[in-house]
C-alpha atoms as a PDB file:
ATOM      1  CA  MET A   1      11.894  42.205 -59.791  1.00  0.00           C
ATOM      2  CA  LYS A   2      10.605  45.571 -61.027  1.00  0.00           C
ATOM      3  CA  LEU A   3      13.438  47.459 -62.721  1.00  0.00           C
ATOM      4  CA  THR A   4      13.600  50.955 -64.181  1.00  0.00           C
ATOM      5  CA  ILE A   5      16.428  51.384 -66.675  1.00  0.00           C
ATOM      6  CA  VAL A   6      17.420  54.962 -67.530  1.00  0.00           C
ATOM      7  CA  ALA A   7      19.074  55.740 -70.894  1.00  0.00           C
ATOM      8  CA  ALA A   8      17.704  52.444 -72.156  1.00  0.00           C
ATOM      9  CA  THR A   9      18.489  52.881 -75.868  1.00  0.00           C
ATOM     10  CA  GLY A  10      22.202  53.605 -75.515  1.00  0.00           C
ATOM     11  CA  GLY A  11      24.908  50.988 -75.879  1.00  0.00           C
ATOM     12  CA  ILE A  12      24.891  49.863 -72.248  1.00  0.00           C
ATOM     13  CA  GLY A  13      21.200  50.552 -71.636  1.00  0.00           C
ATOM     14  CA  ARG A  14      20.124  48.391 -74.569  1.00  0.00           C
ATOM     15  CA  HIS A  15      22.078  45.436 -73.139  1.00  0.00           C
ATOM     16  CA  LEU A  16      20.632  45.996 -69.666  1.00  0.00           C
ATOM     17  CA  VAL A  17      17.096  45.949 -71.087  1.00  0.00           C
ATOM     18  CA  GLU A  18      17.754  42.766 -73.089  1.00  0.00           C
ATOM     19  CA  GLN A  19      19.257  40.965 -70.093  1.00  0.00           C
ATOM     20  CA  ALA A  20      16.525  42.122 -67.713  1.00  0.00           C
ATOM     21  CA  VAL A  21      13.756  40.969 -70.058  1.00  0.00           C
ATOM     22  CA  ALA A  22      15.529  37.642 -70.643  1.00  0.00           C
ATOM     23  CA  GLY A  23      15.776  37.248 -66.871  1.00  0.00           C
ATOM     24  CA  GLY A  24      12.016  37.629 -66.506  1.00  0.00           C
ATOM     25  CA  HIS A  25      12.079  41.032 -64.826  1.00  0.00           C
ATOM     26  CA  ASP A  26       9.308  43.622 -65.133  1.00  0.00           C
ATOM     27  CA  VAL A  27      11.105  46.433 -66.999  1.00  0.00           C
ATOM     28  CA  THR A  28      10.341  50.126 -67.330  1.00  0.00           C
ATOM     29  CA  ALA A  29      12.697  51.691 -69.869  1.00  0.00           C
ATOM     30  CA  VAL A  30      13.350  55.447 -69.924  1.00  0.00           C
ATOM     31  CA  ALA A  31      14.693  56.821 -73.208  1.00  0.00           C
ATOM     32  CA  ARG A  32      14.536  59.753 -75.608  1.00  0.00           C
ATOM     33  CA  ARG A  33      13.585  57.387 -78.418  1.00  0.00           C
ATOM     34  CA  PRO A  34      11.378  54.722 -76.820  1.00  0.00           C
ATOM     35  CA  ARG A  35      10.235  53.336 -80.187  1.00  0.00           C
ATOM     36  CA  GLU A  36      13.740  51.834 -80.513  1.00  0.00           C
ATOM     37  CA  LEU A  37      13.044  49.583 -77.515  1.00  0.00           C
ATOM     38  CA  PRO A  38      11.964  45.953 -77.828  1.00  0.00           C
ATOM     39  CA  GLY A  39       8.423  44.873 -77.098  1.00  0.00           C
ATOM     40  CA  GLY A  40       7.546  43.598 -73.671  1.00  0.00           C
ATOM     41  CA  VAL A  41       8.787  46.599 -71.730  1.00  0.00           C
ATOM     42  CA  ARG A  42       6.948  49.615 -70.378  1.00  0.00           C
ATOM     43  CA  THR A  43       8.420  52.708 -72.011  1.00  0.00           C
ATOM     44  CA  VAL A  44       8.722  56.260 -70.762  1.00  0.00           C
ATOM     45  CA  ALA A  45       9.843  59.003 -73.151  1.00  0.00           C
ATOM     46  CA  ALA A  46      12.200  61.451 -71.454  1.00  0.00           C
ATOM     47  CA  ASP A  47      15.041  63.710 -72.513  1.00  0.00           C
ATOM     48  CA  LEU A  48      17.430  63.766 -69.582  1.00  0.00           C
ATOM     49  CA  THR A  49      19.132  66.911 -70.841  1.00  0.00           C
ATOM     50  CA  ARG A  50      15.857  68.641 -69.895  1.00  0.00           C
ATOM     51  CA  PRO A  51      14.352  66.306 -67.293  1.00  0.00           C
ATOM     52  CA  ASP A  52      10.722  66.543 -66.271  1.00  0.00           C
ATOM     53  CA  MET A  53      10.709  65.473 -62.625  1.00  0.00           C
ATOM     54  CA  ARG A  54       7.073  64.303 -62.717  1.00  0.00           C
ATOM     55  CA  THR A  55       7.775  62.000 -65.643  1.00  0.00           C
ATOM     56  CA  LEU A  56      10.882  60.588 -63.988  1.00  0.00           C
ATOM     57  CA  ALA A  57       9.119  60.162 -60.643  1.00  0.00           C
ATOM     58  CA  ALA A  58       6.372  58.172 -62.368  1.00  0.00           C
ATOM     59  CA  ALA A  59       8.988  56.045 -64.147  1.00  0.00           C
ATOM     60  CA  VAL A  60      10.702  54.983 -60.916  1.00  0.00           C
ATOM     61  CA  ARG A  61       7.597  54.690 -58.726  1.00  0.00           C
ATOM     62  CA  GLY A  62       7.268  51.118 -57.481  1.00  0.00           C
ATOM     63  CA  ALA A  63      10.646  50.006 -58.832  1.00  0.00           C
ATOM     64  CA  ASP A  64      12.737  47.622 -56.764  1.00  0.00           C
ATOM     65  CA  ALA A  65      15.864  49.010 -58.428  1.00  0.00           C
ATOM     66  CA  VAL A  66      16.793  51.853 -60.777  1.00  0.00           C
ATOM     67  CA  LEU A  67      19.693  51.255 -63.153  1.00  0.00           C
ATOM     68  CA  SER A  68      21.233  54.235 -64.909  1.00  0.00           C
ATOM     69  CA  ALA A  69      23.161  53.760 -68.129  1.00  0.00           C
ATOM     70  CA  LEU A  70      23.396  57.521 -68.568  1.00  0.00           C
ATOM     71  CA  GLY A  71      26.693  58.769 -69.883  1.00  0.00           C
ATOM     72  CA  PRO A  72      27.929  61.647 -71.996  1.00  0.00           C
ATOM     73  CA  ARG A  73      28.223  61.244 -75.750  1.00  0.00           C
ATOM     74  CA  ASN A  74      31.132  63.675 -75.693  1.00  0.00           C
ATOM     75  CA  PRO A  75      32.813  63.533 -72.255  1.00  0.00           C
ATOM     76  CA  ARG A  76      34.414  66.958 -72.631  1.00  0.00           C
ATOM     77  CA  ALA A  77      31.264  68.779 -73.688  1.00  0.00           C
ATOM     78  CA  ASP A  78      28.541  66.787 -71.921  1.00  0.00           C
ATOM     79  CA  ALA A  79      29.983  65.849 -68.521  1.00  0.00           C
ATOM     80  CA  GLY A  80      27.557  68.143 -66.683  1.00  0.00           C
ATOM     81  CA  ILE A  81      24.535  66.344 -68.117  1.00  0.00           C
ATOM     82  CA  THR A  82      25.438  63.163 -66.286  1.00  0.00           C
ATOM     83  CA  SER A  83      25.845  64.803 -62.899  1.00  0.00           C
ATOM     84  CA  ARG A  84      22.792  67.083 -63.223  1.00  0.00           C
ATOM     85  CA  SER A  85      20.507  64.257 -64.327  1.00  0.00           C
ATOM     86  CA  CYS A  86      21.605  61.873 -61.571  1.00  0.00           C
ATOM     87  CA  ARG A  87      21.452  64.233 -58.621  1.00  0.00           C
ATOM     88  CA  HIS A  88      17.707  63.757 -58.128  1.00  0.00           C
END
């Protein structure tokens, strides 16, 4: 299965990537710091606080599923980031 995992270097995203790769899936990982990702995955650099819709569209194109591990670092200050980044 072709999977795109958003926020792939965070706590949850990192585990999703590891499990998807171990399961033999074709993984595209979207992250601010893609160099922190393991080998064997396609990486897309993106800062979801300032999303570039073309970059994100290319990242999800052809995916069977998109998994978002996006969450605020500080729930009180960053709650809007999660909702703004997921609405598209």
